[in-house]
Amino acid sequence: MSEPLLFTYAAACGFVVAALLATGYQLLANRPARFEMVRDVPEASLFGAIWRVVLIVWAAPYIITRNAVRGRLIERRPLGWLFASFFIATVWSVCAGVVVLSFAVVMT
C-alpha cells in the first residue's frame, strides 16, 4: 500500500472513531462533546473525570472540525482559520487512526 493511501486510510479511521464517540456521547448526554467537559461537573468522581479526558482525546478531531465549520458559518471566521483547523484535525485523526489500525492488526 502506498504512503498517501495509507495516510488517508488512517485519517479516515481516526475520524470515524472520533465521530462515533462524539455522536455516542451526544446521544447519551443530550449535549455535544466539547473541550470544556472536564470543568462541567465539580462533584464528579475521579473515574468520571478520567473518562471525560479520554473521550475528549479520542473525539478531538470531530470536535475541532465541528467547531471550525460552525465558526466559519456563524461567526464568519477567516478561511485560513478553517484550513488550519482542518489540518490539525487531520493530523490528530491520522495519529488516532494509526493507533486504531495497530490495535486491529494485533487483534486479528
C-alpha atoms as a PDB file:
ATOM      1  CA  MET A   1       0.000   0.000   0.000  1.00  0.00           C
ATOM      2  CA  SER A   2       1.402   3.415  -0.896  1.00  0.00           C
ATOM      3  CA  GLU A   3       2.066   6.002   1.798  1.00  0.00           C
ATOM      4  CA  PRO A   4      -0.531   8.599   0.676  1.00  0.00           C
ATOM      5  CA  LEU A   5      -3.227   5.936   0.568  1.00  0.00           C
ATOM      6  CA  LEU A   6      -2.233   4.599   3.969  1.00  0.00           C
ATOM      7  CA  PHE A   7      -2.204   8.172   5.359  1.00  0.00           C
ATOM      8  CA  THR A   8      -5.717   8.760   4.003  1.00  0.00           C
ATOM      9  CA  TYR A   9      -6.973   5.423   5.349  1.00  0.00           C
ATOM     10  CA  ALA A  10      -5.540   6.114   8.809  1.00  0.00           C
ATOM     11  CA  ALA A  11      -7.059   9.616   8.811  1.00  0.00           C
ATOM     12  CA  ALA A  12     -10.454   8.217   7.821  1.00  0.00           C
ATOM     13  CA  CYS A  13     -10.314   5.518  10.513  1.00  0.00           C
ATOM     14  CA  GLY A  14      -9.311   8.043  13.167  1.00  0.00           C
ATOM     15  CA  PHE A  15     -12.044  10.464  12.163  1.00  0.00           C
ATOM     16  CA  VAL A  16     -14.685   7.726  12.112  1.00  0.00           C
ATOM     17  CA  VAL A  17     -13.739   6.683  15.660  1.00  0.00           C
ATOM     18  CA  ALA A  18     -13.841  10.339  16.757  1.00  0.00           C
ATOM     19  CA  ALA A  19     -17.254  10.900  15.170  1.00  0.00           C
ATOM     20  CA  LEU A  20     -18.677   7.705  16.660  1.00  0.00           C
ATOM     21  CA  LEU A  21     -17.502   8.627  20.152  1.00  0.00           C
ATOM     22  CA  ALA A  22     -18.675  12.242  19.928  1.00  0.00           C
ATOM     23  CA  THR A  23     -22.042  11.244  18.487  1.00  0.00           C
ATOM     24  CA  GLY A  24     -22.469   8.492  21.073  1.00  0.00           C
ATOM     25  CA  TYR A  25     -21.730  10.978  23.835  1.00  0.00           C
ATOM     26  CA  GLN A  26     -24.228  13.430  22.387  1.00  0.00           C
ATOM     27  CA  LEU A  27     -26.847  10.690  22.177  1.00  0.00           C
ATOM     28  CA  LEU A  28     -26.354   9.699  25.824  1.00  0.00           C
ATOM     29  CA  ALA A  29     -25.774  13.125  27.370  1.00  0.00           C
ATOM     30  CA  ASN A  30     -28.150  15.203  25.206  1.00  0.00           C
ATOM     31  CA  ARG A  31     -25.400  17.764  24.578  1.00  0.00           C
ATOM     32  CA  PRO A  32     -22.461  17.846  22.184  1.00  0.00           C
ATOM     33  CA  ALA A  33     -18.988  16.839  23.274  1.00  0.00           C
ATOM     34  CA  ARG A  34     -16.693  19.815  23.783  1.00  0.00           C
ATOM     35  CA  PHE A  35     -13.289  20.582  25.231  1.00  0.00           C
ATOM     36  CA  GLU A  36     -14.694  22.116  28.446  1.00  0.00           C
ATOM     37  CA  MET A  37     -16.394  18.939  29.667  1.00  0.00           C
ATOM     38  CA  VAL A  38     -13.883  18.306  32.464  1.00  0.00           C
ATOM     39  CA  ARG A  39     -14.839  21.524  34.296  1.00  0.00           C
ATOM     40  CA  ASP A  40     -18.585  20.939  33.917  1.00  0.00           C
ATOM     41  CA  VAL A  41     -19.206  18.704  36.933  1.00  0.00           C
ATOM     42  CA  PRO A  42     -17.187  19.709  40.021  1.00  0.00           C
ATOM     43  CA  GLU A  43     -18.512  16.869  42.193  1.00  0.00           C
ATOM     44  CA  ALA A  44     -17.667  14.195  39.606  1.00  0.00           C
ATOM     45  CA  SER A  45     -15.590  11.202  40.565  1.00  0.00           C
ATOM     46  CA  LEU A  46     -12.011  10.630  39.518  1.00  0.00           C
ATOM     47  CA  PHE A  47     -13.149   7.841  37.201  1.00  0.00           C
ATOM     48  CA  GLY A  48     -15.651  10.193  35.555  1.00  0.00           C
ATOM     49  CA  ALA A  49     -13.005  12.868  35.055  1.00  0.00           C
ATOM     50  CA  ILE A  50     -10.589  10.359  33.517  1.00  0.00           C
ATOM     51  CA  TRP A  51     -13.341   9.059  31.247  1.00  0.00           C
ATOM     52  CA  ARG A  52     -14.122  12.592  30.030  1.00  0.00           C
ATOM     53  CA  VAL A  53     -10.443  13.273  29.299  1.00  0.00           C
ATOM     54  CA  VAL A  54     -10.172  10.023  27.319  1.00  0.00           C
ATOM     55  CA  LEU A  55     -13.341  10.909  25.418  1.00  0.00           C
ATOM     56  CA  ILE A  56     -12.004  14.358  24.592  1.00  0.00           C
ATOM     57  CA  VAL A  57      -8.648  12.978  23.408  1.00  0.00           C
ATOM     58  CA  TRP A  58     -10.288  10.454  21.088  1.00  0.00           C
ATOM     59  CA  ALA A  59     -13.158  12.677  19.894  1.00  0.00           C
ATOM     60  CA  ALA A  60     -10.996  15.777  19.356  1.00  0.00           C
ATOM     61  CA  PRO A  61     -10.803  15.630  15.519  1.00  0.00           C
ATOM     62  CA  TYR A  62     -14.585  15.671  15.301  1.00  0.00           C
ATOM     63  CA  ILE A  63     -14.904  18.425  17.904  1.00  0.00           C
ATOM     64  CA  ILE A  64     -12.283  20.565  16.140  1.00  0.00           C
ATOM     65  CA  THR A  65     -13.926  20.100  12.739  1.00  0.00           C
ATOM     66  CA  ARG A  66     -17.423  20.823  14.077  1.00  0.00           C
ATOM     67  CA  ASN A  67     -16.226  23.973  15.852  1.00  0.00           C
ATOM     68  CA  ALA A  68     -14.308  25.135  12.775  1.00  0.00           C
ATOM     69  CA  VAL A  69     -17.302  24.767  10.458  1.00  0.00           C
ATOM     70  CA  ARG A  70     -19.616  26.471  12.955  1.00  0.00           C
ATOM     71  CA  GLY A  71     -17.063  29.261  13.443  1.00  0.00           C
ATOM     72  CA  ARG A  72     -16.875  29.840   9.707  1.00  0.00           C
ATOM     73  CA  LEU A  73     -20.630  29.758   9.115  1.00  0.00           C
ATOM     74  CA  ILE A  74     -21.886  31.561  12.222  1.00  0.00           C
ATOM     75  CA  GLU A  75     -19.031  33.827  13.321  1.00  0.00           C
ATOM     76  CA  ARG A  76     -17.589  34.407   9.816  1.00  0.00           C
ATOM     77  CA  ARG A  77     -14.068  33.452  10.867  1.00  0.00           C
ATOM     78  CA  PRO A  78     -11.374  33.668   8.162  1.00  0.00           C
ATOM     79  CA  LEU A  79     -10.938  30.860   5.651  1.00  0.00           C
ATOM     80  CA  GLY A  80      -7.330  30.368   6.778  1.00  0.00           C
ATOM     81  CA  TRP A  81      -8.586  29.599  10.278  1.00  0.00           C
ATOM     82  CA  LEU A  82     -10.851  26.902   8.829  1.00  0.00           C
ATOM     83  CA  PHE A  83      -8.000  25.287   6.877  1.00  0.00           C
ATOM     84  CA  ALA A  84      -5.682  25.401   9.889  1.00  0.00           C
ATOM     85  CA  SER A  85      -8.349  23.678  11.984  1.00  0.00           C
ATOM     86  CA  PHE A  86      -8.825  21.030   9.299  1.00  0.00           C
ATOM     87  CA  PHE A  87      -5.065  20.442   9.206  1.00  0.00           C
ATOM     88  CA  ILE A  88      -4.897  19.972  12.979  1.00  0.00           C
ATOM     89  CA  ALA A  89      -7.912  17.639  12.925  1.00  0.00           C
ATOM     90  CA  THR A  90      -6.408  15.628  10.065  1.00  0.00           C
ATOM     91  CA  VAL A  91      -3.071  15.141  11.809  1.00  0.00           C
ATOM     92  CA  TRP A  92      -4.868  14.181  15.023  1.00  0.00           C
ATOM     93  CA  SER A  93      -7.068  11.756  13.049  1.00  0.00           C
ATOM     94  CA  VAL A  94      -4.026  10.131  11.482  1.00  0.00           C
ATOM     95  CA  CYS A  95      -2.444   9.600  14.896  1.00  0.00           C
ATOM     96  CA  ALA A  96      -5.653   8.128  16.292  1.00  0.00           C
ATOM     97  CA  GLY A  97      -6.128   6.056  13.145  1.00  0.00           C
ATOM     98  CA  VAL A  98      -2.649   4.567  13.430  1.00  0.00           C
ATOM     99  CA  VAL A  99      -3.438   3.504  16.996  1.00  0.00           C
ATOM    100  CA  VAL A 100      -6.802   2.032  15.975  1.00  0.00           C
ATOM    101  CA  LEU A 101      -5.314   0.195  12.985  1.00  0.00           C
ATOM    102  CA  SER A 102      -2.422  -1.111  15.071  1.00  0.00           C
ATOM    103  CA  PHE A 103      -4.907  -2.406  17.620  1.00  0.00           C
ATOM    104  CA  ALA A 104      -6.955  -4.042  14.842  1.00  0.00           C
ATOM    105  CA  VAL A 105      -3.853  -5.754  13.443  1.00  0.00           C
ATOM    106  CA  VAL A 106      -2.874  -7.066  16.884  1.00  0.00           C
ATOM    107  CA  MET A 107      -6.410  -8.389  17.475  1.00  0.00           C
ATOM    108  CA  THR A 108      -6.508 -10.339  14.184  1.00  0.00           C
END
